[in-house]
Structures are given as C-alpha cells and as structure tokens.
Amino acid sequence: MDIRQFRKIHRTLAPILFLPFFITAITGIIYRLAGSWFGVEKEAREFLMVIHQGEYLGEQLKPIYVFLNGLGLIGMLVSGIVMTGIFKKRPQNSD
C-alpha cells in the first residue's frame, strides 16, 4: 500500500474517531485519578465507567462500540506509524 493511501485513510478516519477516543481517554483518566488521588468512592465514580465502556448504548451495542473503538485505534496507530516512514527501506551507502 502506498503511503498516500495511508494518509487518505488516516485523514478520513481521524475526525470520525476523535470523539470516541477522547471520551474513552478522558473518562478512564478521571476514573483512575478520582480514586487514586482524591479518594472518591467507587460507587461515585461508576458513572464514568458507564461512559468509558459504552454501557449507555445498551447490551447489544456495547460490544460493537468497544470492538470498533479498538479496531479504530489499531488502524490509526498502523496508518500513523507507516506514515512516519520508519519501515521504509533506506538506500545503503557503499562507502
């Protein structure tokens, strides 16, 4: 696959995946910090876990949300890493 195709995929998916990634990251961070640093009871933090895990979507859609969120993250990572060019073959100098 050409690097231009990875750029196009990355550019197309990034705006779509930003909100689910942002919500997942923020709720996960706040959940952990509220418990560890601020001593908030688990019951009081439970609403964050409901949002973090997509439980508000219901039992049928929760696994789909988690799967698509994970698949989207892997796709963004792969396309981003490929765009950096670290796997590109470099011409060898014959000095």
PDB file of N, CA and C in Angstrom:
ATOM      1  N   MET A   1       0.842  -1.171   0.000  1.00  0.00           N
ATOM      2  CA  MET A   1       0.000   0.000   0.000  1.00  0.00           C
ATOM      3  C   MET A   1       0.893   1.242   0.000  1.00  0.00           C
ATOM      4  N   ASP A   2       0.548   2.191  -0.793  1.00  0.00           N
ATOM      5  CA  ASP A   2       1.294   3.441  -0.919  1.00  0.00           C
ATOM      6  C   ASP A   2       1.046   4.330   0.301  1.00  0.00           C
ATOM      7  N   ILE A   3       2.040   5.115   0.672  1.00  0.00           N
ATOM      8  CA  ILE A   3       1.921   5.998   1.835  1.00  0.00           C
ATOM      9  C   ILE A   3       0.797   7.017   1.646  1.00  0.00           C
ATOM     10  N   ARG A   4       0.511   7.384   0.410  1.00  0.00           N
ATOM     11  CA  ARG A   4      -0.592   8.323   0.149  1.00  0.00           C
ATOM     12  C   ARG A   4      -1.936   7.711   0.521  1.00  0.00           C
ATOM     13  N   GLN A   5      -2.062   6.404   0.320  1.00  0.00           N
ATOM     14  CA  GLN A   5      -3.302   5.729   0.705  1.00  0.00           C
ATOM     15  C   GLN A   5      -3.461   5.712   2.229  1.00  0.00           C
ATOM     16  N   PHE A   6      -2.350   5.489   2.943  1.00  0.00           N
ATOM     17  CA  PHE A   6      -2.407   5.527   4.402  1.00  0.00           C
ATOM     18  C   PHE A   6      -2.777   6.923   4.888  1.00  0.00           C
ATOM     19  N   ARG A   7      -2.232   7.948   4.245  1.00  0.00           N
ATOM     20  CA  ARG A   7      -2.582   9.324   4.617  1.00  0.00           C
ATOM     21  C   ARG A   7      -4.066   9.594   4.405  1.00  0.00           C
ATOM     22  N   LYS A   8      -4.596   9.114   3.287  1.00  0.00           N
ATOM     23  CA  LYS A   8      -6.010   9.320   2.988  1.00  0.00           C
ATOM     24  C   LYS A   8      -6.887   8.602   4.017  1.00  0.00           C
ATOM     25  N   ILE A   9      -6.533   7.361   4.358  1.00  0.00           N
ATOM     26  CA  ILE A   9      -7.282   6.606   5.366  1.00  0.00           C
ATOM     27  C   ILE A   9      -7.214   7.321   6.709  1.00  0.00           C
ATOM     28  N   HIS A  10      -6.016   7.730   7.097  1.00  0.00           N
ATOM     29  CA  HIS A  10      -5.808   8.402   8.372  1.00  0.00           C
ATOM     30  C   HIS A  10      -6.594   9.716   8.421  1.00  0.00           C
ATOM     31  N   ARG A  11      -6.521  10.475   7.368  1.00  0.00           N
ATOM     32  CA  ARG A  11      -7.210  11.771   7.302  1.00  0.00           C
ATOM     33  C   ARG A  11      -8.733  11.597   7.326  1.00  0.00           C
ATOM     34  N   THR A  12      -9.226  10.520   6.750  1.00  0.00           N
ATOM     35  CA  THR A  12     -10.665  10.269   6.732  1.00  0.00           C
ATOM     36  C   THR A  12     -11.168   9.786   8.090  1.00  0.00           C
ATOM     37  N   LEU A  13     -10.429   8.880   8.705  1.00  0.00           N
ATOM     38  CA  LEU A  13     -10.881   8.292   9.960  1.00  0.00           C
ATOM     39  C   LEU A  13     -10.665   9.183  11.177  1.00  0.00           C
ATOM     40  N   ALA A  14      -9.641  10.016  11.160  1.00  0.00           N
ATOM     41  CA  ALA A  14      -9.293  10.811  12.345  1.00  0.00           C
ATOM     42  C   ALA A  14     -10.458  11.653  12.881  1.00  0.00           C
ATOM     43  N   PRO A  15     -11.161  12.413  12.055  1.00  0.00           N
ATOM     44  CA  PRO A  15     -12.269  13.212  12.609  1.00  0.00           C
ATOM     45  C   PRO A  15     -13.422  12.361  13.146  1.00  0.00           C
ATOM     46  N   ILE A  16     -13.629  11.201  12.551  1.00  0.00           N
ATOM     47  CA  ILE A  16     -14.710  10.311  12.980  1.00  0.00           C
ATOM     48  C   ILE A  16     -14.375   9.677  14.324  1.00  0.00           C
ATOM     49  N   LEU A  17     -13.119   9.270  14.493  1.00  0.00           N
ATOM     50  CA  LEU A  17     -12.704   8.545  15.691  1.00  0.00           C
ATOM     51  C   LEU A  17     -12.275   9.445  16.842  1.00  0.00           C
ATOM     52  N   PHE A  18     -12.103  10.718  16.585  1.00  0.00           N
ATOM     53  CA  PHE A  18     -11.623  11.607  17.638  1.00  0.00           C
ATOM     54  C   PHE A  18     -12.528  11.594  18.863  1.00  0.00           C
ATOM     55  N   LEU A  19     -13.820  11.782  18.679  1.00  0.00           N
ATOM     56  CA  LEU A  19     -14.734  11.881  19.820  1.00  0.00           C
ATOM     57  C   LEU A  19     -14.785  10.600  20.652  1.00  0.00           C
ATOM     58  N   PRO A  20     -14.955   9.412  20.052  1.00  0.00           N
ATOM     59  CA  PRO A  20     -14.939   8.200  20.884  1.00  0.00           C
ATOM     60  C   PRO A  20     -13.607   7.999  21.614  1.00  0.00           C
ATOM     61  N   PHE A  21     -12.490   8.282  20.948  1.00  0.00           N
ATOM     62  CA  PHE A  21     -11.179   8.145  21.608  1.00  0.00           C
ATOM     63  C   PHE A  21     -11.048   9.139  22.750  1.00  0.00           C
ATOM     64  N   PHE A  22     -11.462  10.376  22.511  1.00  0.00           N
ATOM     65  CA  PHE A  22     -11.353  11.427  23.520  1.00  0.00           C
ATOM     66  C   PHE A  22     -12.201  11.092  24.745  1.00  0.00           C
ATOM     67  N   ILE A  23     -13.437  10.672  24.514  1.00  0.00           N
ATOM     68  CA  ILE A  23     -14.334  10.322  25.622  1.00  0.00           C
ATOM     69  C   ILE A  23     -13.778   9.144  26.413  1.00  0.00           C
ATOM     70  N   THR A  24     -13.301   8.136  25.716  1.00  0.00           N
ATOM     71  CA  THR A  24     -12.744   6.962  26.390  1.00  0.00           C
ATOM     72  C   THR A  24     -11.518   7.332  27.215  1.00  0.00           C
ATOM     73  N   ALA A  25     -10.632   8.118  26.647  1.00  0.00           N
ATOM     74  CA  ALA A  25      -9.412   8.504  27.355  1.00  0.00           C
ATOM     75  C   ALA A  25      -9.721   9.377  28.573  1.00  0.00           C
ATOM     76  N   ILE A  26     -10.541  10.393  28.396  1.00  0.00           N
ATOM     77  CA  ILE A  26     -10.836  11.321  29.492  1.00  0.00           C
ATOM     78  C   ILE A  26     -11.564  10.620  30.633  1.00  0.00           C
ATOM     79  N   THR A  27     -12.572   9.821  30.336  1.00  0.00           N
ATOM     80  CA  THR A  27     -13.302   9.143  31.409  1.00  0.00           C
ATOM     81  C   THR A  27     -12.424   8.124  32.121  1.00  0.00           C
ATOM     82  N   GLY A  28     -11.544   7.446  31.382  1.00  0.00           N
ATOM     83  CA  GLY A  28     -10.625   6.499  32.018  1.00  0.00           C
ATOM     84  C   GLY A  28      -9.637   7.187  32.938  1.00  0.00           C
ATOM     85  N   ILE A  29      -9.097   8.311  32.494  1.00  0.00           N
ATOM     86  CA  ILE A  29      -8.142   9.072  33.311  1.00  0.00           C
ATOM     87  C   ILE A  29      -8.824   9.631  34.557  1.00  0.00           C
ATOM     88  N   ILE A  30      -9.978  10.249  34.385  1.00  0.00           N
ATOM     89  CA  ILE A  30     -10.683  10.831  35.533  1.00  0.00           C
ATOM     90  C   ILE A  30     -11.088   9.743  36.526  1.00  0.00           C
ATOM     91  N   TYR A  31     -11.548   8.594  36.018  1.00  0.00           N
ATOM     92  CA  TYR A  31     -11.930   7.481  36.895  1.00  0.00           C
ATOM     93  C   TYR A  31     -10.755   7.062  37.769  1.00  0.00           C
ATOM     94  N   ARG A  32      -9.602   6.874  37.148  1.00  0.00           N
ATOM     95  CA  ARG A  32      -8.424   6.407  37.885  1.00  0.00           C
ATOM     96  C   ARG A  32      -7.926   7.470  38.863  1.00  0.00           C
ATOM     97  N   LEU A  33      -7.811   8.709  38.412  1.00  0.00           N
ATOM     98  CA  LEU A  33      -7.293   9.768  39.276  1.00  0.00           C
ATOM     99  C   LEU A  33      -8.245  10.096  40.418  1.00  0.00           C
ATOM    100  N   ALA A  34      -9.536  10.056  40.153  1.00  0.00           N
ATOM    101  CA  ALA A  34     -10.508  10.339  41.208  1.00  0.00           C
ATOM    102  C   ALA A  34     -10.396   9.313  42.329  1.00  0.00           C
ATOM    103  N   GLY A  35     -10.126   8.075  41.979  1.00  0.00           N
ATOM    104  CA  GLY A  35      -9.983   7.044  43.006  1.00  0.00           C
ATOM    105  C   GLY A  35      -8.635   7.067  43.690  1.00  0.00           C
ATOM    106  N   SER A  36      -7.564   7.206  42.901  1.00  0.00           N
ATOM    107  CA  SER A  36      -6.210   7.133  43.456  1.00  0.00           C
ATOM    108  C   SER A  36      -5.790   8.403  44.178  1.00  0.00           C
ATOM    109  N   TRP A  37      -6.011   9.550  43.576  1.00  0.00           N
ATOM    110  CA  TRP A  37      -5.520  10.808  44.140  1.00  0.00           C
ATOM    111  C   TRP A  37      -6.510  11.476  45.075  1.00  0.00           C
ATOM    112  N   PHE A  38      -7.792  11.369  44.751  1.00  0.00           N
ATOM    113  CA  PHE A  38      -8.776  12.132  45.501  1.00  0.00           C
ATOM    114  C   PHE A  38      -9.653  11.274  46.403  1.00  0.00           C
ATOM    115  N   GLY A  39      -9.459   9.973  46.378  1.00  0.00           N
ATOM    116  CA  GLY A  39     -10.178   9.069  47.269  1.00  0.00           C
ATOM    117  C   GLY A  39     -11.675   9.009  47.070  1.00  0.00           C
ATOM    118  N   VAL A  40     -12.139   9.275  45.874  1.00  0.00           N
ATOM    119  CA  VAL A  40     -13.576   9.211  45.594  1.00  0.00           C
ATOM    120  C   VAL A  40     -14.010   7.748  45.602  1.00  0.00           C
ATOM    121  N   GLU A  41     -15.116   7.475  46.278  1.00  0.00           N
ATOM    122  CA  GLU A  41     -15.633   6.110  46.372  1.00  0.00           C
ATOM    123  C   GLU A  41     -15.958   5.536  44.995  1.00  0.00           C
ATOM    124  N   LYS A  42     -15.825   4.213  44.873  1.00  0.00           N
ATOM    125  CA  LYS A  42     -16.073   3.550  43.596  1.00  0.00           C
ATOM    126  C   LYS A  42     -17.503   3.781  43.111  1.00  0.00           C
ATOM    127  N   GLU A  43     -18.461   3.776  44.032  1.00  0.00           N
ATOM    128  CA  GLU A  43     -19.858   3.988  43.648  1.00  0.00           C
ATOM    129  C   GLU A  43     -20.069   5.363  43.031  1.00  0.00           C
ATOM    130  N   ALA A  44     -19.329   6.358  43.519  1.00  0.00           N
ATOM    131  CA  ALA A  44     -19.464   7.719  42.994  1.00  0.00           C
ATOM    132  C   ALA A  44     -18.809   7.861  41.623  1.00  0.00           C
ATOM    133  N   ARG A  45     -17.824   7.014  41.331  1.00  0.00           N
ATOM    134  CA  ARG A  45     -17.124   7.069  40.045  1.00  0.00           C
ATOM    135  C   ARG A  45     -17.761   6.159  38.996  1.00  0.00           C
ATOM    136  N   GLU A  46     -18.739   5.397  39.378  1.00  0.00           N
ATOM    137  CA  GLU A  46     -19.296   4.374  38.486  1.00  0.00           C
ATOM    138  C   GLU A  46     -19.871   4.957  37.199  1.00  0.00           C
ATOM    139  N   PHE A  47     -20.437   6.167  37.259  1.00  0.00           N
ATOM    140  CA  PHE A  47     -20.995   6.766  36.036  1.00  0.00           C
ATOM    141  C   PHE A  47     -19.899   6.989  34.984  1.00  0.00           C
ATOM    142  N   LEU A  48     -18.669   7.247  35.433  1.00  0.00           N
ATOM    143  CA  LEU A  48     -17.555   7.395  34.482  1.00  0.00           C
ATOM    144  C   LEU A  48     -17.276   6.078  33.753  1.00  0.00           C
ATOM    145  N   MET A  49     -17.373   4.969  34.479  1.00  0.00           N
ATOM    146  CA  MET A  49     -17.145   3.672  33.855  1.00  0.00           C
ATOM    147  C   MET A  49     -18.261   3.331  32.871  1.00  0.00           C
ATOM    148  N   VAL A  50     -19.456   3.767  33.171  1.00  0.00           N
ATOM    149  CA  VAL A  50     -20.580   3.545  32.247  1.00  0.00           C
ATOM    150  C   VAL A  50     -20.299   4.243  30.917  1.00  0.00           C
ATOM    151  N   ILE A  51     -19.798   5.463  30.979  1.00  0.00           N
ATOM    152  CA  ILE A  51     -19.461   6.208  29.762  1.00  0.00           C
ATOM    153  C   ILE A  51     -18.230   5.593  29.099  1.00  0.00           C
ATOM    154  N   HIS A  52     -17.193   5.290  29.899  1.00  0.00           N
ATOM    155  CA  HIS A  52     -15.932   4.752  29.389  1.00  0.00           C
ATOM    156  C   HIS A  52     -16.131   3.463  28.595  1.00  0.00           C
ATOM    157  N   GLN A  53     -16.955   2.586  29.098  1.00  0.00           N
ATOM    158  CA  GLN A  53     -17.159   1.278  28.465  1.00  0.00           C
ATOM    159  C   GLN A  53     -18.316   1.256  27.472  1.00  0.00           C
ATOM    160  N   GLY A  54     -19.013   2.349  27.302  1.00  0.00           N
ATOM    161  CA  GLY A  54     -20.110   2.411  26.347  1.00  0.00           C
ATOM    162  C   GLY A  54     -21.363   1.706  26.804  1.00  0.00           C
ATOM    163  N   GLU A  55     -21.524   1.522  28.113  1.00  0.00           N
ATOM    164  CA  GLU A  55     -22.700   0.829  28.636  1.00  0.00           C
ATOM    165  C   GLU A  55     -23.991   1.593  28.380  1.00  0.00           C
ATOM    166  N   TYR A  56     -23.897   2.892  28.173  1.00  0.00           N
ATOM    167  CA  TYR A  56     -25.087   3.701  27.911  1.00  0.00           C
ATOM    168  C   TYR A  56     -25.736   3.345  26.573  1.00  0.00           C
ATOM    169  N   LEU A  57     -25.015   2.619  25.728  1.00  0.00           N
ATOM    170  CA  LEU A  57     -25.554   2.212  24.428  1.00  0.00           C
ATOM    171  C   LEU A  57     -26.435   0.965  24.522  1.00  0.00           C
ATOM    172  N   GLY A  58     -26.394   0.273  25.648  1.00  0.00           N
ATOM    173  CA  GLY A  58     -27.185  -0.937  25.818  1.00  0.00           C
ATOM    174  C   GLY A  58     -26.344  -2.182  25.613  1.00  0.00           C
ATOM    175  N   GLU A  59     -26.916  -3.312  25.983  1.00  0.00           N
ATOM    176  CA  GLU A  59     -26.189  -4.587  25.928  1.00  0.00           C
ATOM    177  C   GLU A  59     -25.827  -5.022  24.506  1.00  0.00           C
ATOM    178  N   GLN A  60     -26.650  -4.699  23.514  1.00  0.00           N
ATOM    179  CA  GLN A  60     -26.373  -5.115  22.145  1.00  0.00           C
ATOM    180  C   GLN A  60     -25.283  -4.275  21.497  1.00  0.00           C
ATOM    181  N   LEU A  61     -25.260  -2.986  21.771  1.00  0.00           N
ATOM    182  CA  LEU A  61     -24.313  -2.097  21.102  1.00  0.00           C
ATOM    183  C   LEU A  61     -22.985  -1.929  21.832  1.00  0.00           C
ATOM    184  N   LYS A  62     -22.950  -2.255  23.121  1.00  0.00           N
ATOM    185  CA  LYS A  62     -21.709  -2.092  23.885  1.00  0.00           C
ATOM    186  C   LYS A  62     -20.545  -2.876  23.286  1.00  0.00           C
ATOM    187  N   PRO A  63     -20.706  -4.170  22.974  1.00  0.00           N
ATOM    188  CA  PRO A  63     -19.572  -4.902  22.389  1.00  0.00           C
ATOM    189  C   PRO A  63     -19.151  -4.350  21.025  1.00  0.00           C
ATOM    190  N   ILE A  64     -20.103  -3.853  20.267  1.00  0.00           N
ATOM    191  CA  ILE A  64     -19.784  -3.282  18.954  1.00  0.00           C
ATOM    192  C   ILE A  64     -18.994  -1.993  19.135  1.00  0.00           C
ATOM    193  N   TYR A  65     -19.405  -1.164  20.087  1.00  0.00           N
ATOM    194  CA  TYR A  65     -18.693   0.080  20.381  1.00  0.00           C
ATOM    195  C   TYR A  65     -17.252  -0.204  20.804  1.00  0.00           C
ATOM    196  N   VAL A  66     -17.080  -1.145  21.714  1.00  0.00           N
ATOM    197  CA  VAL A  66     -15.740  -1.489  22.195  1.00  0.00           C
ATOM    198  C   VAL A  66     -14.894  -2.045  21.052  1.00  0.00           C
ATOM    199  N   PHE A  67     -15.472  -2.923  20.241  1.00  0.00           N
ATOM    200  CA  PHE A  67     -14.749  -3.524  19.119  1.00  0.00           C
ATOM    201  C   PHE A  67     -14.332  -2.455  18.103  1.00  0.00           C
ATOM    202  N   LEU A  68     -15.265  -1.596  17.722  1.00  0.00           N
ATOM    203  CA  LEU A  68     -14.948  -0.556  16.739  1.00  0.00           C
ATOM    204  C   LEU A  68     -13.959   0.468  17.288  1.00  0.00           C
ATOM    205  N   ASN A  69     -14.068   0.775  18.575  1.00  0.00           N
ATOM    206  CA  ASN A  69     -13.125   1.696  19.200  1.00  0.00           C
ATOM    207  C   ASN A  69     -11.712   1.100  19.165  1.00  0.00           C
ATOM    208  N   GLY A  70     -11.590  -0.167  19.527  1.00  0.00           N
ATOM    209  CA  GLY A  70     -10.285  -0.838  19.493  1.00  0.00           C
ATOM    210  C   GLY A  70      -9.755  -0.990  18.081  1.00  0.00           C
ATOM    211  N   LEU A  71     -10.603  -1.379  17.160  1.00  0.00           N
ATOM    212  CA  LEU A  71     -10.197  -1.530  15.761  1.00  0.00           C
ATOM    213  C   LEU A  71      -9.779  -0.186  15.172  1.00  0.00           C
ATOM    214  N   GLY A  72     -10.509   0.858  15.507  1.00  0.00           N
ATOM    215  CA  GLY A  72     -10.154   2.197  15.041  1.00  0.00           C
ATOM    216  C   GLY A  72      -8.815   2.653  15.589  1.00  0.00           C
ATOM    217  N   LEU A  73      -8.564   2.355  16.851  1.00  0.00           N
ATOM    218  CA  LEU A  73      -7.287   2.724  17.452  1.00  0.00           C
ATOM    219  C   LEU A  73      -6.134   1.993  16.777  1.00  0.00           C
ATOM    220  N   ILE A  74      -6.294   0.711  16.534  1.00  0.00           N
ATOM    221  CA  ILE A  74      -5.250  -0.054  15.839  1.00  0.00           C
ATOM    222  C   ILE A  74      -5.033   0.506  14.439  1.00  0.00           C
ATOM    223  N   GLY A  75      -6.115   0.803  13.731  1.00  0.00           N
ATOM    224  CA  GLY A  75      -5.992   1.365  12.388  1.00  0.00           C
ATOM    225  C   GLY A  75      -5.273   2.698  12.371  1.00  0.00           C
ATOM    226  N   MET A  76      -5.598   3.563  13.327  1.00  0.00           N
ATOM    227  CA  MET A  76      -4.931   4.863  13.397  1.00  0.00           C
ATOM    228  C   MET A  76      -3.458   4.708  13.753  1.00  0.00           C
ATOM    229  N   LEU A  77      -3.157   3.776  14.653  1.00  0.00           N
ATOM    230  CA  LEU A  77      -1.756   3.531  15.008  1.00  0.00           C
ATOM    231  C   LEU A  77      -0.955   3.021  13.821  1.00  0.00           C
ATOM    232  N   VAL A  78      -1.503   2.030  13.124  1.00  0.00           N
ATOM    233  CA  VAL A  78      -0.790   1.456  11.978  1.00  0.00           C
ATOM    234  C   VAL A  78      -0.594   2.501  10.895  1.00  0.00           C
ATOM    235  N   SER A  79      -1.651   3.219  10.546  1.00  0.00           N
ATOM    236  CA  SER A  79      -1.503   4.218   9.485  1.00  0.00           C
ATOM    237  C   SER A  79      -0.556   5.334   9.910  1.00  0.00           C
ATOM    238  N   GLY A  80      -0.602   5.732  11.175  1.00  0.00           N
ATOM    239  CA  GLY A  80       0.298   6.768  11.668  1.00  0.00           C
ATOM    240  C   GLY A  80       1.755   6.319  11.671  1.00  0.00           C
ATOM    241  N   ILE A  81       1.989   5.087  12.099  1.00  0.00           N
ATOM    242  CA  ILE A  81       3.361   4.559  12.121  1.00  0.00           C
ATOM    243  C   ILE A  81       3.907   4.415  10.710  1.00  0.00           C
ATOM    244  N   VAL A  82       3.093   3.924   9.791  1.00  0.00           N
ATOM    245  CA  VAL A  82       3.543   3.776   8.404  1.00  0.00           C
ATOM    246  C   VAL A  82       3.874   5.139   7.809  1.00  0.00           C
ATOM    247  N   MET A  83       3.082   6.157   8.135  1.00  0.00           N
ATOM    248  CA  MET A  83       3.341   7.487   7.592  1.00  0.00           C
ATOM    249  C   MET A  83       4.643   8.085   8.111  1.00  0.00           C
ATOM    250  N   THR A  84       5.131   7.626   9.267  1.00  0.00           N
ATOM    251  CA  THR A  84       6.397   8.161   9.773  1.00  0.00           C
ATOM    252  C   THR A  84       7.563   7.715   8.909  1.00  0.00           C
ATOM    253  N   GLY A  85       7.415   6.616   8.205  1.00  0.00           N
ATOM    254  CA  GLY A  85       8.467   6.126   7.322  1.00  0.00           C
ATOM    255  C   GLY A  85       9.528   5.299   8.011  1.00  0.00           C
ATOM    256  N   ILE A  86       9.283   4.861   9.241  1.00  0.00           N
ATOM    257  CA  ILE A  86      10.314   4.096   9.944  1.00  0.00           C
ATOM    258  C   ILE A  86      10.508   2.705   9.364  1.00  0.00           C
ATOM    259  N   PHE A  87       9.557   2.213   8.587  1.00  0.00           N
ATOM    260  CA  PHE A  87       9.703   0.902   7.965  1.00  0.00           C
ATOM    261  C   PHE A  87      10.148   0.999   6.503  1.00  0.00           C
ATOM    262  N   LYS A  88      10.412   2.198   6.075  1.00  0.00           N
ATOM    263  CA  LYS A  88      10.830   2.421   4.703  1.00  0.00           C
ATOM    264  C   LYS A  88      12.271   1.953   4.533  1.00  0.00           C
ATOM    265  N   LYS A  89      12.525   1.262   3.456  1.00  0.00           N
ATOM    266  CA  LYS A  89      13.887   0.800   3.193  1.00  0.00           C
ATOM    267  C   LYS A  89      14.744   1.994   2.768  1.00  0.00           C
ATOM    268  N   ARG A  90      15.840   2.120   3.421  1.00  0.00           N
ATOM    269  CA  ARG A  90      16.791   3.210   3.125  1.00  0.00           C
ATOM    270  C   ARG A  90      17.862   2.698   2.168  1.00  0.00           C
ATOM    271  N   PRO A  91      18.258   3.526   1.256  1.00  0.00           N
ATOM    272  CA  PRO A  91      19.362   3.110   0.384  1.00  0.00           C
ATOM    273  C   PRO A  91      20.646   2.984   1.196  1.00  0.00           C
ATOM    274  N   GLN A  92      21.377   1.934   0.944  1.00  0.00           N
ATOM    275  CA  GLN A  92      22.620   1.708   1.688  1.00  0.00           C
ATOM    276  C   GLN A  92      23.775   2.405   1.008  1.00  0.00           C
ATOM    277  N   ASN A  93      24.567   3.072   1.799  1.00  0.00           N
ATOM    278  CA  ASN A  93      25.765   3.726   1.281  1.00  0.00           C
ATOM    279  C   ASN A  93      26.872   2.697   1.140  1.00  0.00           C
ATOM    280  N   SER A  94      27.548   2.732   0.038  1.00  0.00           N
ATOM    281  CA  SER A  94      28.662   1.790  -0.174  1.00  0.00           C
ATOM    282  C   SER A  94      29.986   2.501   0.003  1.00  0.00           C
ATOM    283  N   ASP A  95      30.159   3.103   1.185  1.00  0.00           N
ATOM    284  CA  ASP A  95      31.396   3.833   1.482  1.00  0.00           C
ATOM    285  C   ASP A  95      32.517   2.890   1.815  1.00  0.00           C
TER     286      ASP A  95
END
